[in-house]
Protein backbone atom coordinates (compact mmCIF):
# COMPACT_ATOMS: atom_id res chain seq x y z
CA MET A 1 -25.85 -29.99 -16.82
CA LYS A 2 -27.58 -26.77 -17.82
CA LYS A 3 -29.05 -26.39 -14.31
CA ILE A 4 -25.62 -26.80 -12.74
CA LEU A 5 -24.18 -24.08 -14.97
CA ILE A 6 -27.05 -21.72 -14.11
CA LEU A 7 -26.61 -22.44 -10.41
CA LEU A 8 -22.85 -21.87 -10.64
CA ALA A 9 -23.36 -18.57 -12.49
CA ALA A 10 -25.88 -17.42 -9.87
CA LEU A 11 -23.49 -18.24 -7.02
CA CYS A 12 -20.61 -16.43 -8.72
CA SER A 13 -22.74 -13.32 -9.21
CA LEU A 14 -23.55 -13.24 -5.48
CA THR A 15 -19.89 -13.39 -4.44
CA PRO A 16 -18.48 -9.88 -4.04
CA LEU A 17 -15.28 -9.12 -5.91
CA SER A 18 -13.28 -7.42 -3.20
CA SER A 19 -9.58 -6.73 -3.24
CA VAL A 20 -7.05 -8.03 -0.78
CA ALA A 21 -5.95 -5.89 2.16
CA THR A 22 -2.32 -4.85 1.73
CA ILE A 23 0.28 -3.07 3.84
CA CYS A 24 3.66 -1.46 3.14
CA PRO A 25 6.66 -3.82 3.18
CA ASP A 26 8.25 -4.13 6.62
CA PRO A 27 11.83 -2.75 6.44
CA ASN A 28 13.05 -5.40 8.91
CA HIS A 29 11.21 -8.45 7.54
CA SER A 30 11.33 -8.04 3.76
CA SER A 31 14.03 -7.60 1.12
CA LEU A 32 14.24 -3.94 2.25
CA GLN A 33 16.51 -5.17 5.06
CA TRP A 34 19.14 -5.83 2.34
CA GLY A 35 18.42 -2.60 0.47
CA GLU A 36 16.37 -4.32 -2.24
CA VAL A 37 12.87 -3.13 -3.09
CA PRO A 38 10.35 -6.01 -3.20
CA LEU A 39 8.20 -6.46 -6.30
CA PRO A 40 5.84 -4.85 -7.38
CA TRP A 41 7.22 -1.83 -5.48
CA GLU A 42 9.73 0.61 -7.00
CA VAL A 43 12.03 3.28 -5.58
CA ASN A 44 10.17 6.58 -5.56
CA PRO A 45 11.98 8.83 -8.09
CA PHE A 46 11.43 11.75 -5.68
CA SER A 47 12.93 9.89 -2.72
CA GLU A 48 15.57 11.71 -0.68
CA HIS A 49 17.76 8.57 -0.49
CA GLN A 50 17.95 5.05 -1.85
CA PRO A 51 16.86 2.10 0.33
CA GLN A 52 19.66 1.03 2.66
CA GLY A 53 20.05 -2.30 4.40
CA GLU A 54 19.99 -0.92 7.94
CA GLU A 55 18.92 -2.67 11.13
CA ASN A 56 17.18 0.33 12.63
CA ALA A 57 15.14 1.37 9.58
CA CYS A 58 11.58 2.18 10.60
CA PHE A 59 8.28 2.88 8.92
CA ILE A 60 7.20 6.55 9.02
CA ARG A 61 4.04 6.85 6.95
CA ALA A 62 1.98 5.64 4.00
CA ASN A 63 0.32 7.95 1.48
CA ILE A 64 -2.45 7.19 -0.99
CA LEU A 65 -1.86 9.48 -3.96
CA LEU A 66 -4.87 11.00 -5.67
CA ALA A 67 -5.44 12.13 -9.21
CA GLY A 68 -9.24 12.02 -9.28
CA SER A 69 -9.11 8.56 -7.69
CA GLY A 70 -6.48 6.54 -5.84
CA ARG A 71 -3.53 6.19 -8.20
CA GLY A 72 -0.82 4.70 -6.05
CA ILE A 73 0.67 4.22 -2.63
CA VAL A 74 3.92 5.63 -1.24
CA CYS A 75 5.63 4.18 1.84
CA THR A 76 8.25 6.28 3.65
CA TYR A 77 10.94 4.92 5.96
CA ALA A 78 13.55 6.54 8.24
CA ILE A 79 17.21 5.51 8.13
CA SER A 80 20.33 6.99 9.73
CA ILE A 81 21.02 9.41 6.85
CA GLY A 82 17.42 10.60 6.39
CA TYR A 83 14.39 9.16 4.63
CA TYR A 84 13.64 7.01 1.62
CA SER A 85 10.36 6.07 0.01
CA ILE A 86 9.05 3.40 -2.31
CA TRP A 87 5.87 3.43 -4.33
CA TRP A 88 3.49 1.13 -6.10
CA GLN A 89 1.61 2.60 -9.03
CA VAL A 90 -1.69 0.78 -8.68
CA PRO A 91 -5.29 1.93 -8.43
CA VAL A 92 -6.13 2.10 -4.71
CA LYS A 93 -9.54 2.28 -3.08
CA ILE A 94 -10.14 5.59 -1.31
CA PRO A 95 -10.43 5.08 2.48
CA ALA A 96 -13.93 5.36 3.93
CA PRO A 97 -14.56 8.41 6.14
CA ALA A 98 -15.00 6.04 9.10
CA GLU A 99 -11.42 4.76 8.74
CA ASN A 100 -9.63 6.60 11.52
CA ASN A 101 -6.08 5.56 10.54
CA TRP A 102 -6.22 7.50 7.26
CA ARG A 103 -6.57 11.28 7.22
CA ARG A 104 -7.07 13.59 4.26
CA SER A 105 -3.96 15.50 3.14
CA THR A 106 -3.12 17.85 0.28
CA ALA A 107 -2.05 15.10 -2.13
CA GLY A 108 -4.47 12.40 -0.99
CA TYR A 109 -4.57 10.44 2.26
CA GLU A 110 -1.92 9.87 4.91
CA CYS A 111 -1.48 7.19 7.58
CA THR A 112 1.17 7.59 10.28
CA HIS A 113 0.19 4.62 12.45
CA SER A 114 2.20 1.38 12.50
CA ILE A 115 2.69 -0.63 9.32
CA VAL A 116 -0.13 -2.99 10.25
CA GLY A 117 -2.41 -0.03 11.00
CA CYS A 118 -1.99 1.43 7.50
CA VAL A 119 -4.01 -1.09 5.51
CA PHE A 120 -4.94 -0.19 1.93
CA TYR A 121 -6.87 -1.97 -0.80
CA PRO A 122 -5.55 -2.14 -4.37
CA ALA A 123 -8.53 -1.88 -6.71
């Protein structure tokens, strides 16, 4: 029994603890299509508008906010009256320099590719 526990502990220590790849919610295939923000996301308090349940809403960009390290992600969407954004206050891994979809900006990192191209990793 003791050997099994030692073997199990050794195997667990070899397994990397990586986070799951995540993307912004799709405005046409999530609760955003009804104007509801999916959990764990929240309406950005600095957002120009509130989420609207519009058919033609589209993803504009994702931002990783920095405050020494990744401190959250903001997703911005376009609707007929302007823009709205949602955010998730979660530690986020900083993109590697080799990641071409993310570029350095004043407040952190920005991705303007498609939703599926803006993959981030909550820490």
